[in-house]
Amino acid sequence: ALVSARLPQIPTLRRVLKAAPLGLGHPLWMEVTQVNLHQHIIERRLRAPGSDRQLQAL
């Protein structure tokens, strides 16, 4: 919820790379109106006690 609430305030987070038309030139940054955060953010939980070693192994 925090990230989705801030998306409108940060244009950089709404940009995707698109190939140049006909493959001519470099890819271009294009702004999108909808971002599916489920494709970018994954929630994982550590078993208690949640040590640094467990986090690194994740």
PDB file of N, CA and C in Angstrom:
ATOM      1  N   ALA A   1       0.829  -1.188   0.000  1.00  0.00           N
ATOM      2  CA  ALA A   1       0.000   0.000   0.000  1.00  0.00           C
ATOM      3  C   ALA A   1       0.877   1.256   0.000  1.00  0.00           C
ATOM      4  N   LEU A   2       1.982   1.204   0.723  1.00  0.00           N
ATOM      5  CA  LEU A   2       2.864   2.371   0.800  1.00  0.00           C
ATOM      6  C   LEU A   2       3.452   2.697  -0.568  1.00  0.00           C
ATOM      7  N   VAL A   3       3.937   1.689  -1.271  1.00  0.00           N
ATOM      8  CA  VAL A   3       4.540   1.925  -2.589  1.00  0.00           C
ATOM      9  C   VAL A   3       3.489   2.411  -3.577  1.00  0.00           C
ATOM     10  N   SER A   4       2.334   1.752  -3.615  1.00  0.00           N
ATOM     11  CA  SER A   4       1.299   2.154  -4.575  1.00  0.00           C
ATOM     12  C   SER A   4       0.795   3.561  -4.302  1.00  0.00           C
ATOM     13  N   ALA A   5       0.794   3.986  -3.047  1.00  0.00           N
ATOM     14  CA  ALA A   5       0.367   5.345  -2.711  1.00  0.00           C
ATOM     15  C   ALA A   5       1.368   6.384  -3.201  1.00  0.00           C
ATOM     16  N   ARG A   6       2.625   5.994  -3.296  1.00  0.00           N
ATOM     17  CA  ARG A   6       3.666   6.953  -3.701  1.00  0.00           C
ATOM     18  C   ARG A   6       3.950   6.955  -5.200  1.00  0.00           C
ATOM     19  N   LEU A   7       3.448   5.989  -5.922  1.00  0.00           N
ATOM     20  CA  LEU A   7       3.699   5.934  -7.367  1.00  0.00           C
ATOM     21  C   LEU A   7       3.345   7.228  -8.093  1.00  0.00           C
ATOM     22  N   PRO A   8       2.198   7.853  -7.817  1.00  0.00           N
ATOM     23  CA  PRO A   8       1.880   9.093  -8.535  1.00  0.00           C
ATOM     24  C   PRO A   8       2.883  10.222  -8.281  1.00  0.00           C
ATOM     25  N   GLN A   9       3.586  10.174  -7.157  1.00  0.00           N
ATOM     26  CA  GLN A   9       4.526  11.237  -6.794  1.00  0.00           C
ATOM     27  C   GLN A   9       5.910  11.042  -7.409  1.00  0.00           C
ATOM     28  N   ILE A  10       6.203   9.836  -7.887  1.00  0.00           N
ATOM     29  CA  ILE A  10       7.547   9.527  -8.376  1.00  0.00           C
ATOM     30  C   ILE A  10       7.456   8.989  -9.804  1.00  0.00           C
ATOM     31  N   PRO A  11       7.544   9.863 -10.798  1.00  0.00           N
ATOM     32  CA  PRO A  11       7.395   9.445 -12.197  1.00  0.00           C
ATOM     33  C   PRO A  11       8.375   8.352 -12.625  1.00  0.00           C
ATOM     34  N   THR A  12       9.571   8.354 -12.071  1.00  0.00           N
ATOM     35  CA  THR A  12      10.574   7.365 -12.450  1.00  0.00           C
ATOM     36  C   THR A  12      10.081   5.941 -12.206  1.00  0.00           C
ATOM     37  N   LEU A  13       9.260   5.748 -11.188  1.00  0.00           N
ATOM     38  CA  LEU A  13       8.759   4.414 -10.872  1.00  0.00           C
ATOM     39  C   LEU A  13       7.656   3.960 -11.817  1.00  0.00           C
ATOM     40  N   ARG A  14       7.208   4.848 -12.679  1.00  0.00           N
ATOM     41  CA  ARG A  14       6.150   4.508 -13.631  1.00  0.00           C
ATOM     42  C   ARG A  14       6.683   4.408 -15.054  1.00  0.00           C
ATOM     43  N   ARG A  15       7.977   4.263 -15.214  1.00  0.00           N
ATOM     44  CA  ARG A  15       8.568   4.198 -16.548  1.00  0.00           C
ATOM     45  C   ARG A  15       9.024   2.784 -16.873  1.00  0.00           C
ATOM     46  N   VAL A  16       8.877   2.426 -18.141  1.00  0.00           N
ATOM     47  CA  VAL A  16       9.348   1.129 -18.636  1.00  0.00           C
ATOM     48  C   VAL A  16      10.143   1.364 -19.915  1.00  0.00           C
ATOM     49  N   LEU A  17      11.054   0.462 -20.186  1.00  0.00           N
ATOM     50  CA  LEU A  17      11.852   0.556 -21.409  1.00  0.00           C
ATOM     51  C   LEU A  17      11.097  -0.097 -22.548  1.00  0.00           C
ATOM     52  N   LYS A  18      10.961   0.620 -23.643  1.00  0.00           N
ATOM     53  CA  LYS A  18      10.298   0.103 -24.843  1.00  0.00           C
ATOM     54  C   LYS A  18      11.293   0.148 -25.997  1.00  0.00           C
ATOM     55  N   ALA A  19      11.223  -0.854 -26.841  1.00  0.00           N
ATOM     56  CA  ALA A  19      12.090  -0.879 -28.020  1.00  0.00           C
ATOM     57  C   ALA A  19      11.735   0.284 -28.937  1.00  0.00           C
ATOM     58  N   ALA A  20      12.736   0.804 -29.608  1.00  0.00           N
ATOM     59  CA  ALA A  20      12.515   1.887 -30.567  1.00  0.00           C
ATOM     60  C   ALA A  20      11.677   1.363 -31.728  1.00  0.00           C
ATOM     61  N   PRO A  21      10.848   2.214 -32.316  1.00  0.00           N
ATOM     62  CA  PRO A  21      10.037   1.785 -33.461  1.00  0.00           C
ATOM     63  C   PRO A  21      10.903   1.186 -34.567  1.00  0.00           C
ATOM     64  N   LEU A  22      10.463   0.065 -35.088  1.00  0.00           N
ATOM     65  CA  LEU A  22      11.155  -0.664 -36.158  1.00  0.00           C
ATOM     66  C   LEU A  22      12.552  -1.119 -35.748  1.00  0.00           C
ATOM     67  N   GLY A  23      12.832  -1.097 -34.454  1.00  0.00           N
ATOM     68  CA  GLY A  23      14.143  -1.515 -33.979  1.00  0.00           C
ATOM     69  C   GLY A  23      15.250  -0.544 -34.327  1.00  0.00           C
ATOM     70  N   LEU A  24      14.883   0.676 -34.708  1.00  0.00           N
ATOM     71  CA  LEU A  24      15.873   1.687 -35.080  1.00  0.00           C
ATOM     72  C   LEU A  24      16.186   2.553 -33.871  1.00  0.00           C
ATOM     73  N   GLY A  25      17.434   2.583 -33.494  1.00  0.00           N
ATOM     74  CA  GLY A  25      17.833   3.427 -32.376  1.00  0.00           C
ATOM     75  C   GLY A  25      17.783   2.690 -31.050  1.00  0.00           C
ATOM     76  N   HIS A  26      18.023   3.447 -30.011  1.00  0.00           N
ATOM     77  CA  HIS A  26      18.074   2.907 -28.657  1.00  0.00           C
ATOM     78  C   HIS A  26      16.671   2.786 -28.074  1.00  0.00           C
ATOM     79  N   PRO A  27      16.504   1.896 -27.087  1.00  0.00           N
ATOM     80  CA  PRO A  27      15.205   1.812 -26.405  1.00  0.00           C
ATOM     81  C   PRO A  27      14.861   3.154 -25.757  1.00  0.00           C
ATOM     82  N   LEU A  28      13.582   3.380 -25.568  1.00  0.00           N
ATOM     83  CA  LEU A  28      13.100   4.641 -25.007  1.00  0.00           C
ATOM     84  C   LEU A  28      12.357   4.384 -23.707  1.00  0.00           C
ATOM     85  N   TRP A  29      12.468   5.325 -22.766  1.00  0.00           N
ATOM     86  CA  TRP A  29      11.686   5.246 -21.535  1.00  0.00           C
ATOM     87  C   TRP A  29      10.297   5.796 -21.819  1.00  0.00           C
ATOM     88  N   MET A  30       9.280   5.008 -21.479  1.00  0.00           N
ATOM     89  CA  MET A  30       7.892   5.422 -21.670  1.00  0.00           C
ATOM     90  C   MET A  30       7.177   5.355 -20.325  1.00  0.00           C
ATOM     91  N   GLU A  31       6.331   6.331 -20.063  1.00  0.00           N
ATOM     92  CA  GLU A  31       5.564   6.324 -18.821  1.00  0.00           C
ATOM     93  C   GLU A  31       4.305   5.481 -19.011  1.00  0.00           C
ATOM     94  N   VAL A  32       4.017   4.640 -18.026  1.00  0.00           N
ATOM     95  CA  VAL A  32       2.816   3.807 -18.069  1.00  0.00           C
ATOM     96  C   VAL A  32       1.809   4.322 -17.045  1.00  0.00           C
ATOM     97  N   THR A  33       0.544   4.066 -17.291  1.00  0.00           N
ATOM     98  CA  THR A  33      -0.493   4.552 -16.379  1.00  0.00           C
ATOM     99  C   THR A  33      -0.795   3.556 -15.273  1.00  0.00           C
ATOM    100  N   GLN A  34      -0.569   2.275 -15.529  1.00  0.00           N
ATOM    101  CA  GLN A  34      -0.844   1.262 -14.516  1.00  0.00           C
ATOM    102  C   GLN A  34       0.391   0.395 -14.307  1.00  0.00           C
ATOM    103  N   VAL A  35       0.723   0.173 -13.043  1.00  0.00           N
ATOM    104  CA  VAL A  35       1.857  -0.667 -12.685  1.00  0.00           C
ATOM    105  C   VAL A  35       1.328  -1.813 -11.828  1.00  0.00           C
ATOM    106  N   ASN A  36       1.641  -3.034 -12.222  1.00  0.00           N
ATOM    107  CA  ASN A  36       1.239  -4.199 -11.442  1.00  0.00           C
ATOM    108  C   ASN A  36       2.348  -4.502 -10.441  1.00  0.00           C
ATOM    109  N   LEU A  37       2.181  -4.047  -9.214  1.00  0.00           N
ATOM    110  CA  LEU A  37       3.220  -4.215  -8.203  1.00  0.00           C
ATOM    111  C   LEU A  37       3.461  -5.679  -7.853  1.00  0.00           C
ATOM    112  N   HIS A  38       2.490  -6.543  -8.098  1.00  0.00           N
ATOM    113  CA  HIS A  38       2.666  -7.968  -7.814  1.00  0.00           C
ATOM    114  C   HIS A  38       3.735  -8.585  -8.714  1.00  0.00           C
ATOM    115  N   GLN A  39       4.058  -7.937  -9.809  1.00  0.00           N
ATOM    116  CA  GLN A  39       5.124  -8.424 -10.687  1.00  0.00           C
ATOM    117  C   GLN A  39       6.505  -7.954 -10.222  1.00  0.00           C
ATOM    118  N   HIS A  40       6.543  -7.036  -9.258  1.00  0.00           N
ATOM    119  CA  HIS A  40       7.810  -6.433  -8.865  1.00  0.00           C
ATOM    120  C   HIS A  40       8.154  -6.601  -7.390  1.00  0.00           C
ATOM    121  N   ILE A  41       7.160  -6.783  -6.556  1.00  0.00           N
ATOM    122  CA  ILE A  41       7.388  -6.865  -5.114  1.00  0.00           C
ATOM    123  C   ILE A  41       6.924  -8.227  -4.620  1.00  0.00           C
ATOM    124  N   ILE A  42       7.829  -8.929  -3.952  1.00  0.00           N
ATOM    125  CA  ILE A  42       7.528 -10.249  -3.412  1.00  0.00           C
ATOM    126  C   ILE A  42       7.748 -10.205  -1.906  1.00  0.00           C
ATOM    127  N   GLU A  43       6.778 -10.682  -1.162  1.00  0.00           N
ATOM    128  CA  GLU A  43       6.896 -10.703   0.296  1.00  0.00           C
ATOM    129  C   GLU A  43       7.433 -12.056   0.734  1.00  0.00           C
ATOM    130  N   ARG A  44       8.444 -12.037   1.563  1.00  0.00           N
ATOM    131  CA  ARG A  44       9.014 -13.243   2.152  1.00  0.00           C
ATOM    132  C   ARG A  44       9.140 -13.006   3.653  1.00  0.00           C
ATOM    133  N   ARG A  45       8.969 -14.061   4.418  1.00  0.00           N
ATOM    134  CA  ARG A  45       9.099 -13.962   5.872  1.00  0.00           C
ATOM    135  C   ARG A  45      10.169 -14.934   6.345  1.00  0.00           C
ATOM    136  N   LEU A  46      10.903 -14.484   7.345  1.00  0.00           N
ATOM    137  CA  LEU A  46      11.908 -15.336   7.960  1.00  0.00           C
ATOM    138  C   LEU A  46      11.303 -16.001   9.184  1.00  0.00           C
ATOM    139  N   ARG A  47      11.738 -17.225   9.452  1.00  0.00           N
ATOM    140  CA  ARG A  47      11.320 -17.875  10.687  1.00  0.00           C
ATOM    141  C   ARG A  47      12.001 -17.189  11.861  1.00  0.00           C
ATOM    142  N   ALA A  48      11.333 -17.162  12.989  1.00  0.00           N
ATOM    143  CA  ALA A  48      11.906 -16.558  14.200  1.00  0.00           C
ATOM    144  C   ALA A  48      13.209 -17.274  14.527  1.00  0.00           C
ATOM    145  N   PRO A  49      14.231 -16.568  14.911  1.00  0.00           N
ATOM    146  CA  PRO A  49      14.281 -15.179  15.344  1.00  0.00           C
ATOM    147  C   PRO A  49      14.539 -14.174  14.225  1.00  0.00           C
ATOM    148  N   GLY A  50      14.729 -14.611  12.995  1.00  0.00           N
ATOM    149  CA  GLY A  50      14.949 -13.666  11.899  1.00  0.00           C
ATOM    150  C   GLY A  50      16.330 -13.036  11.935  1.00  0.00           C
ATOM    151  N   SER A  51      17.361 -13.861  11.895  1.00  0.00           N
ATOM    152  CA  SER A  51      18.737 -13.372  12.005  1.00  0.00           C
ATOM    153  C   SER A  51      19.258 -12.832  10.671  1.00  0.00           C
ATOM    154  N   ASP A  52      20.384 -12.140  10.736  1.00  0.00           N
ATOM    155  CA  ASP A  52      21.039 -11.643   9.521  1.00  0.00           C
ATOM    156  C   ASP A  52      21.430 -12.806   8.612  1.00  0.00           C
ATOM    157  N   ARG A  53      21.866 -13.898   9.199  1.00  0.00           N
ATOM    158  CA  ARG A  53      22.261 -15.074   8.415  1.00  0.00           C
ATOM    159  C   ARG A  53      21.066 -15.630   7.637  1.00  0.00           C
ATOM    160  N   GLN A  54      19.903 -15.689   8.279  1.00  0.00           N
ATOM    161  CA  GLN A  54      18.700 -16.157   7.594  1.00  0.00           C
ATOM    162  C   GLN A  54      18.336 -15.227   6.443  1.00  0.00           C
ATOM    163  N   LEU A  55      18.466 -13.940   6.670  1.00  0.00           N
ATOM    164  CA  LEU A  55      18.145 -12.965   5.632  1.00  0.00           C
ATOM    165  C   LEU A  55      19.084 -13.117   4.440  1.00  0.00           C
ATOM    166  N   GLN A  56      20.364 -13.304   4.701  1.00  0.00           N
ATOM    167  CA  GLN A  56      21.330 -13.484   3.615  1.00  0.00           C
ATOM    168  C   GLN A  56      21.061 -14.771   2.844  1.00  0.00           C
ATOM    169  N   ALA A  57      20.621 -15.817   3.533  1.00  0.00           N
ATOM    170  CA  ALA A  57      20.327 -17.089   2.878  1.00  0.00           C
ATOM    171  C   ALA A  57      19.084 -16.994   2.010  1.00  0.00           C
ATOM    172  N   LEU A  58      18.218 -16.067   2.337  1.00  0.00           N
ATOM    173  CA  LEU A  58      16.991 -15.889   1.568  1.00  0.00           C
ATOM    174  C   LEU A  58      17.326 -15.423   0.183  1.00  0.00           C
TER     175      LEU A  58
END
